[in-house]
Protein backbone atom coordinates (compact mmCIF):
# COMPACT_ATOMS: atom_id res chain seq x y z
CA MET A 1 -7.24 17.61 -12.97
CA SER A 2 -7.96 14.10 -11.69
CA SER A 3 -5.28 11.52 -10.94
CA VAL A 4 -5.84 7.84 -11.66
CA VAL A 5 -3.40 5.32 -10.21
CA ILE A 6 -3.11 2.17 -12.32
CA LYS A 7 -1.32 -0.72 -10.65
CA LEU A 8 -0.19 -3.58 -12.89
CA GLY A 9 0.59 -6.92 -11.30
CA SER A 10 3.37 -9.21 -12.49
CA SER A 11 0.80 -11.47 -14.16
CA VAL A 12 -0.36 -8.52 -16.29
CA VAL A 13 3.13 -7.36 -17.23
CA ALA A 14 4.95 -10.65 -17.84
CA ASN A 15 4.33 -14.17 -19.04
CA ASP A 16 5.25 -17.09 -16.80
CA ASP A 17 8.64 -17.32 -18.54
CA GLY A 18 9.40 -13.67 -17.73
CA THR A 19 8.93 -12.29 -21.22
CA VAL A 20 6.97 -9.05 -21.46
CA ARG A 21 3.32 -9.20 -22.53
CA PHE A 22 3.75 -6.59 -25.27
CA ASP A 23 0.19 -6.92 -26.56
CA VAL A 24 -1.20 -6.23 -23.09
CA LEU A 25 1.16 -3.34 -22.37
CA GLN A 26 0.38 -1.80 -25.77
CA ARG A 27 -3.34 -1.80 -24.94
CA ILE A 28 -2.64 -0.40 -21.49
CA CYS A 29 -0.46 2.40 -22.89
CA ASP A 30 -3.24 3.14 -25.42
CA ASP A 31 -5.61 3.65 -22.50
CA VAL A 32 -3.06 5.69 -20.53
CA ALA A 33 -2.49 7.96 -23.54
CA LEU A 34 -6.26 8.31 -23.99
CA LEU A 35 -6.69 9.34 -20.35
CA HIS A 36 -3.73 11.72 -20.62
CA GLY A 37 -5.27 13.33 -23.71
CA ARG A 38 -8.56 13.82 -21.85
CA GLY A 39 -6.83 15.79 -19.13
CA TYR A 40 -6.47 13.02 -16.54
CA GLU A 41 -3.22 12.50 -14.65
CA PRO A 42 -2.50 8.77 -15.02
CA ILE A 43 0.13 7.20 -12.77
CA ILE A 44 1.42 3.69 -13.44
CA VAL A 45 2.59 1.51 -10.55
CA THR A 46 4.15 -1.57 -12.07
CA SER A 47 5.37 -4.90 -10.83
CA GLY A 48 7.35 -7.27 -13.02
CA ALA A 49 11.00 -6.17 -12.68
CA ILE A 50 11.96 -9.41 -10.95
CA ALA A 51 9.92 -11.45 -13.43
CA ARG A 52 11.62 -9.67 -16.33
CA GLY A 53 15.06 -10.25 -14.83
CA LEU A 54 14.37 -13.95 -14.32
CA GLY A 55 13.25 -14.14 -17.94
CA VAL A 56 16.45 -12.53 -19.16
CA MET A 57 18.44 -15.05 -17.14
CA GLN A 58 16.29 -17.86 -18.58
CA ILE A 59 15.33 -19.18 -15.15
CA ALA A 60 12.60 -21.74 -15.72
CA PRO A 61 8.95 -20.88 -14.96
CA GLY A 62 7.95 -21.92 -11.48
CA GLN A 63 11.53 -21.71 -10.24
CA ARG A 64 11.30 -18.20 -8.76
CA PRO A 65 14.16 -18.00 -6.23
CA LYS A 66 13.49 -17.27 -2.57
CA ALA A 67 16.90 -15.93 -1.51
CA ILE A 68 16.75 -12.14 -1.17
CA ASP A 69 20.07 -11.55 -2.96
CA GLU A 70 18.85 -13.52 -5.98
CA LEU A 71 15.59 -11.57 -6.11
CA GLN A 72 17.47 -8.28 -5.80
CA ALA A 73 19.85 -9.29 -8.57
CA ALA A 74 16.93 -10.28 -10.80
CA SER A 75 15.31 -6.92 -10.13
CA ALA A 76 18.52 -5.08 -11.02
CA ILE A 77 18.58 -6.92 -14.35
CA GLY A 78 14.92 -6.41 -15.16
CA GLN A 79 14.17 -2.95 -13.80
CA GLY A 80 15.67 -0.82 -16.57
CA LYS A 81 14.54 -3.17 -19.33
CA LEU A 82 10.96 -3.09 -18.07
CA TYR A 83 10.82 0.70 -17.79
CA ARG A 84 12.26 1.06 -21.30
CA VAL A 85 9.20 -0.79 -22.64
CA TYR A 86 6.83 1.67 -20.94
CA ASP A 87 8.91 4.67 -21.99
CA GLU A 88 9.02 3.65 -25.63
CA LEU A 89 5.34 2.71 -25.82
CA LEU A 90 4.22 5.95 -24.18
CA GLN A 91 6.64 8.03 -26.26
CA GLU A 92 5.17 6.51 -29.43
CA ARG A 93 1.81 7.82 -28.23
CA GLY A 94 3.15 11.32 -27.52
CA VAL A 95 3.18 10.93 -23.74
CA PRO A 96 6.35 11.68 -21.72
CA SER A 97 7.14 9.41 -18.77
CA ALA A 98 9.52 9.26 -15.80
CA GLN A 99 10.79 6.32 -13.79
CA VAL A 100 10.28 6.60 -10.02
CA LEU A 101 11.74 3.94 -7.71
CA LEU A 102 10.52 3.87 -4.11
CA THR A 103 11.25 1.82 -1.03
CA PHE A 104 9.25 1.10 2.10
CA PHE A 105 11.45 3.62 3.93
CA ASP A 106 10.40 6.37 1.52
CA MET A 107 6.88 5.89 2.87
CA SER A 108 7.72 5.08 6.49
CA ALA A 109 9.75 8.25 7.11
CA ARG A 110 7.39 11.24 7.14
CA THR A 111 9.88 13.67 5.55
CA HIS A 112 10.59 11.20 2.72
CA TYR A 113 6.85 10.62 2.33
CA LEU A 114 6.26 14.33 1.82
CA ASN A 115 9.22 14.59 -0.58
CA VAL A 116 7.71 11.84 -2.71
CA ARG A 117 4.42 13.76 -2.76
CA HIS A 118 6.17 16.93 -3.96
CA THR A 119 8.08 15.08 -6.68
CA LEU A 120 4.97 13.36 -8.01
CA ALA A 121 3.04 16.64 -7.91
CA LYS A 122 5.71 18.34 -10.03
CA LEU A 123 5.78 15.49 -12.58
CA LEU A 124 1.99 15.67 -12.90
CA GLU A 125 2.15 19.45 -13.23
CA TRP A 126 4.58 18.94 -16.12
CA ARG A 127 2.11 16.42 -17.66
CA VAL A 128 4.60 13.57 -17.27
CA VAL A 129 3.32 10.05 -16.49
CA PRO A 130 5.21 8.58 -13.50
CA VAL A 131 6.04 4.89 -13.88
CA ILE A 132 6.58 3.73 -10.30
CA ASN A 133 8.07 0.52 -9.00
CA GLU A 134 9.43 -0.66 -5.68
CA ASN A 135 13.22 -0.52 -5.58
CA ASP A 136 13.59 -4.28 -5.11
CA THR A 137 17.37 -4.05 -5.28
CA THR A 138 17.49 -2.45 -1.83
CA THR A 139 14.39 -3.84 -0.12
CA THR A 140 14.14 -6.95 2.06
CA ASP A 141 11.58 -9.73 2.31
CA GLU A 142 10.53 -8.41 5.71
CA ILE A 143 10.00 -4.87 4.40
CA SER A 144 8.16 -4.85 1.10
CA PHE A 145 4.90 -3.68 -0.43
CA GLY A 146 3.31 -7.05 -1.33
CA ASP A 147 3.59 -7.06 -5.14
CA ASN A 148 3.22 -3.26 -5.04
CA ASP A 149 -0.45 -3.31 -3.95
CA PHE A 150 0.29 -1.35 -0.77
CA LEU A 151 2.62 0.95 -2.69
CA ALA A 152 -0.14 1.74 -5.19
CA ALA A 153 -2.57 2.54 -2.38
CA GLN A 154 -0.02 4.81 -0.70
CA VAL A 155 0.63 6.61 -3.99
CA ALA A 156 -3.12 7.07 -4.53
CA ILE A 157 -3.43 8.58 -1.06
CA LEU A 158 -0.35 10.76 -1.61
CA VAL A 159 -1.74 12.41 -4.74
CA GLY A 160 -5.40 12.37 -3.69
CA ALA A 161 -6.33 10.20 -6.66
CA GLU A 162 -9.84 10.07 -8.07
CA ARG A 163 -9.59 6.29 -8.47
CA LEU A 164 -7.25 3.38 -7.84
CA LEU A 165 -7.18 0.46 -10.28
CA LEU A 166 -5.54 -2.78 -9.15
CA LEU A 167 -5.11 -4.88 -12.28
CA THR A 168 -4.35 -8.57 -12.05
CA ASN A 169 -5.01 -11.81 -13.97
CA THR A 170 -8.42 -12.48 -12.41
CA ASP A 171 -11.73 -10.71 -12.99
CA GLY A 172 -11.99 -9.38 -9.43
CA VAL A 173 -12.95 -10.61 -5.98
CA PHE A 174 -14.92 -13.87 -5.90
CA THR A 175 -16.95 -15.50 -3.17
CA ALA A 176 -14.19 -18.17 -3.08
CA ASP A 177 -11.02 -18.97 -5.02
CA PRO A 178 -12.33 -19.70 -8.56
CA ARG A 179 -9.31 -21.90 -9.27
CA THR A 180 -10.46 -24.42 -6.67
CA HIS A 181 -14.18 -23.58 -6.46
CA PRO A 182 -15.72 -23.54 -9.96
CA SER A 183 -19.03 -22.32 -8.54
CA ALA A 184 -17.45 -19.18 -7.07
CA GLU A 185 -19.19 -15.97 -8.13
CA LEU A 186 -17.73 -12.56 -8.89
CA VAL A 187 -18.58 -9.85 -6.34
CA SER A 188 -19.21 -6.74 -8.41
CA ARG A 189 -19.47 -4.22 -5.57
CA ILE A 190 -18.36 -3.99 -1.97
CA GLU A 191 -19.91 -1.13 -0.04
CA ARG A 192 -18.73 -2.09 3.46
CA LEU A 193 -15.56 -3.95 4.37
CA GLU A 194 -17.57 -6.16 6.72
CA GLU A 195 -18.91 -7.88 3.60
CA LEU A 196 -15.46 -9.41 3.07
CA GLU A 197 -15.82 -11.56 6.19
CA ALA A 198 -18.12 -13.92 4.29
CA LEU A 199 -15.63 -14.37 1.45
CA GLN A 200 -12.66 -16.72 1.17
CA ILE A 201 -9.88 -14.29 0.29
CA THR A 202 -6.73 -16.11 -0.79
CA GLU A 203 -3.10 -15.12 -0.35
CA ALA A 204 -2.01 -17.22 -3.33
CA ALA A 205 0.02 -15.30 -5.90
CA SER A 206 0.90 -15.98 -9.52
CA VAL A 207 4.04 -17.88 -10.48
CA LEU A 208 6.14 -14.73 -10.76
CA GLY A 209 4.24 -12.47 -8.34
CA SER A 210 4.49 -11.92 -4.60
CA GLY A 211 1.05 -10.54 -3.79
CA GLY A 212 -2.29 -12.29 -3.90
CA MET A 213 -5.90 -11.18 -3.53
CA ARG A 214 -5.54 -10.52 0.18
CA SER A 215 -2.93 -7.79 -0.35
CA LYS A 216 -5.19 -6.19 -2.97
CA VAL A 217 -8.14 -6.19 -0.58
CA VAL A 218 -6.00 -4.53 2.12
CA ALA A 219 -4.82 -1.97 -0.44
CA ALA A 220 -8.47 -1.29 -1.29
CA GLU A 221 -9.20 -0.83 2.41
CA MET A 222 -6.40 1.73 2.65
CA ALA A 223 -7.52 3.71 -0.38
CA THR A 224 -11.26 3.69 0.35
CA ALA A 225 -10.55 4.92 3.88
CA ALA A 226 -9.05 7.98 2.22
CA GLY A 227 -12.17 8.44 0.08
CA ILE A 228 -10.70 6.82 -3.06
CA PRO A 229 -12.90 4.22 -4.82
CA THR A 230 -10.89 1.18 -5.87
CA VAL A 231 -11.39 -1.36 -8.62
CA ILE A 232 -9.82 -4.83 -8.73
CA ALA A 233 -10.09 -6.16 -12.28
CA ASN A 234 -8.49 -8.22 -15.04
CA GLY A 235 -5.73 -6.18 -16.64
CA GLN A 236 -5.20 -8.68 -19.43
CA LEU A 237 -8.56 -7.78 -21.01
CA ALA A 238 -8.98 -4.89 -23.44
CA GLY A 239 -10.96 -1.89 -22.24
CA THR A 240 -10.54 -2.53 -18.53
CA ILE A 241 -8.87 0.80 -17.71
CA SER A 242 -11.07 3.07 -19.80
CA GLY A 243 -14.20 1.24 -18.66
CA ALA A 244 -13.29 1.40 -14.98
CA VAL A 245 -12.45 5.12 -15.16
CA SER A 246 -15.75 5.76 -16.95
CA GLY A 247 -17.61 4.08 -14.10
CA GLU A 248 -18.61 0.89 -15.94
CA GLU A 249 -19.28 -2.18 -13.81
CA ILE A 250 -15.94 -3.91 -14.34
CA GLY A 251 -14.33 -6.29 -11.87
CA THR A 252 -14.97 -5.54 -8.20
CA THR A 253 -15.51 -1.96 -7.09
CA PHE A 254 -14.84 -0.94 -3.49
CA LEU A 255 -16.84 2.18 -2.73
CA ALA A 256 -15.14 5.07 -0.97
CA ARG A 257 -15.90 5.34 2.73
CA ALA A 258 -17.97 8.30 3.86
CA ASP A 259 -16.00 8.65 7.10
CA ARG A 260 -12.68 9.58 5.55
CA VAL A 261 -9.48 9.04 7.48
CA SER A 262 -6.69 11.60 7.29
CA SER A 263 -3.67 10.79 5.12
CA PHE A 264 -1.47 11.12 8.22
CA LYS A 265 -3.39 8.44 10.11
CA LEU A 266 -3.39 6.17 7.07
CA TRP A 267 0.37 6.63 6.80
CA LEU A 268 0.71 5.87 10.50
CA LYS A 269 -1.49 2.78 10.33
CA TYR A 270 -0.11 1.19 7.19
CA ALA A 271 3.34 2.62 6.42
CA LYS A 272 5.03 3.66 9.65
CA PRO A 273 6.75 0.59 11.23
CA ALA A 274 6.25 0.10 14.97
CA ARG A 275 9.46 0.07 17.02
CA GLY A 276 7.94 -1.13 20.28
CA ARG A 277 4.79 -1.99 22.15
CA VAL A 278 2.97 -0.84 25.25
CA SER A 279 0.29 -2.81 27.04
CA VAL A 280 -2.50 -0.80 28.67
CA ASP A 281 -5.20 -1.61 31.20
CA ALA A 282 -8.84 -2.12 30.26
CA GLY A 283 -9.83 1.40 31.27
CA ALA A 284 -7.21 3.00 29.03
CA ALA A 285 -8.15 0.70 26.14
CA ARG A 286 -11.81 1.63 26.51
CA ALA A 287 -10.96 5.35 26.63
CA LEU A 288 -8.88 5.06 23.46
CA ARG A 289 -11.54 3.11 21.56
CA ASP A 290 -14.70 4.83 22.74
CA GLY A 291 -13.63 8.22 24.01
CA GLY A 292 -11.03 9.22 21.46
CA THR A 293 -8.72 10.29 24.26
CA SER A 294 -4.94 10.41 24.50
CA LEU A 295 -3.03 7.64 26.23
CA LEU A 296 -1.72 8.74 29.63
CA PRO A 297 1.16 6.98 31.44
CA VAL A 298 -1.19 5.93 34.26
CA GLY A 299 -2.88 3.48 31.88
CA VAL A 300 0.35 1.80 30.76
CA VAL A 301 1.07 -1.54 32.46
CA ASP A 302 3.97 -2.90 30.40
CA VAL A 303 6.54 -1.73 27.84
CA SER A 304 8.49 -3.83 25.35
CA GLY A 305 11.05 -2.91 22.72
CA ASP A 306 13.61 -0.14 22.43
CA PHE A 307 12.22 3.06 20.92
CA GLU A 308 12.69 6.81 20.97
CA ALA A 309 10.21 9.66 21.27
CA GLY A 310 8.67 10.09 17.80
CA ASP A 311 8.75 6.38 16.97
CA ALA A 312 5.55 4.47 16.29
CA ILE A 313 4.45 1.94 18.91
CA GLU A 314 1.70 -0.64 19.04
CA VAL A 315 -0.84 -0.33 21.84
CA THR A 316 -2.33 -3.58 23.14
CA CYS A 317 -4.63 -4.72 25.93
CA GLY A 318 -3.95 -8.32 26.84
CA ASP A 319 -3.91 -10.26 23.56
CA GLU A 320 -5.95 -7.63 21.75
CA GLN A 321 -4.51 -4.99 19.42
CA VAL A 322 -5.92 -1.55 20.26
CA GLY A 323 -4.04 0.65 17.80
CA LYS A 324 -0.81 2.33 16.84
CA GLY A 325 0.51 5.75 17.78
CA ILE A 326 3.50 8.05 17.85
CA SER A 327 5.14 7.85 21.27
CA SER A 328 5.91 11.06 23.14
CA TYR A 329 8.35 9.11 25.32
CA SER A 330 11.38 6.94 24.78
CA SER A 331 11.06 3.34 25.94
CA GLU A 332 13.20 4.16 28.98
CA GLU A 333 11.00 7.12 29.92
CA MET A 334 7.86 5.05 29.32
CA ARG A 335 9.07 2.35 31.69
CA ARG A 336 9.79 4.92 34.38
CA ALA A 337 6.44 6.68 33.94
CA ARG A 338 4.12 3.70 33.50
CA GLY A 339 1.29 3.51 36.01
CA LEU A 340 1.98 7.01 37.37
CA LYS A 341 -0.51 9.87 37.51
CA SER A 342 0.23 13.02 35.54
CA VAL A 343 1.34 15.03 38.58
CA GLU A 344 3.81 12.27 39.49
CA VAL A 345 5.13 12.12 35.92
CA ARG A 346 5.76 15.87 35.93
CA GLU A 347 7.85 15.54 39.07
CA LEU A 348 9.80 12.54 37.75
CA LEU A 349 10.18 13.66 34.12
CA PRO A 350 9.53 17.41 33.99
CA LEU A 351 10.47 17.78 30.31
CA VAL A 352 8.13 15.19 28.80
CA SER A 353 4.51 15.56 27.67
CA ASP A 354 1.56 14.63 29.86
CA GLU A 355 0.38 12.30 27.08
CA ALA A 356 2.32 9.13 26.35
CA VAL A 357 0.55 9.07 22.96
CA HIS A 358 -1.49 12.10 21.89
CA ARG A 359 -4.91 11.35 20.36
CA ASP A 360 -3.97 13.29 17.19
CA TYR A 361 -1.11 10.84 16.64
CA PHE A 362 -3.02 7.63 17.33
CA VAL A 363 -5.06 5.37 15.07
CA LEU A 364 -7.25 2.44 16.07
CA SER A 365 -6.51 -1.01 14.64
């Protein structure tokens, strides 16, 4: 069976005053039930818990709080109420659902990441529609998924989805922000990410959202690198989901990349937080970029941060980001071994690997 991940932004789920858009969610659940009946495995990734909580508390539109404890409290109020809407609408259509709350740490820790995959696989095997949201009550503003766009991409990669739909309140990606440039045109298809360089991608979000088009474009980059075509489209319009799944030209479609990247390297690049940084010389940077080699201690010129073996570290050359990898050394060992040849490292640190970062555990920026 084929999985389809459907991400609903806050602007799709809730009005500016935080009340639920029942007419929109009814249409969406109609489409989800239709897909489910056709043998697809739909997965909903929803935003809107904070918006719903603010609505319950009658906090005026445009007054979204910034303090993390207020946002977490709003999420705690809205989370259950929002899921109940999905559960009841899907149940009316004969489709069972399950609430799944995830945090950044569930994706950044490899064992948690794999546990999430197993749980979702079992729910899909049981023909249950997962309704996924970020657990905003325990997250922080520094560690979040950007209105769940990144979360949706990670979920799509986890389950090997056939398609990722990022539904928002705009028709797709435009050549410029249509709110300030009336002549902006919709881009119906993006075959190569280099095409985005000519576009003015905005970070502006809706009144009650935290994302913006930029986070959706990055999410599309993540998914297409895993071979998953992605559509950014208007979720407030009827027929968007069924049309996009059927391959109709709706919104902006990002074509899947032919040179697929492994799910591990995508996890490393986008989900695993870096705990430190090493600076390398030009020769090492060139070998990493062009030769696909491992990073040896001899190429390391500087070490910053406090990390352990197994932590992710950024690799830089001067002011340029080279990539990210899993360190074979602790920061203390890296400082002792930097600039040394392999034979010297073996004498100084006989129990560590020859490679500071193995090529299998490294991804270019």
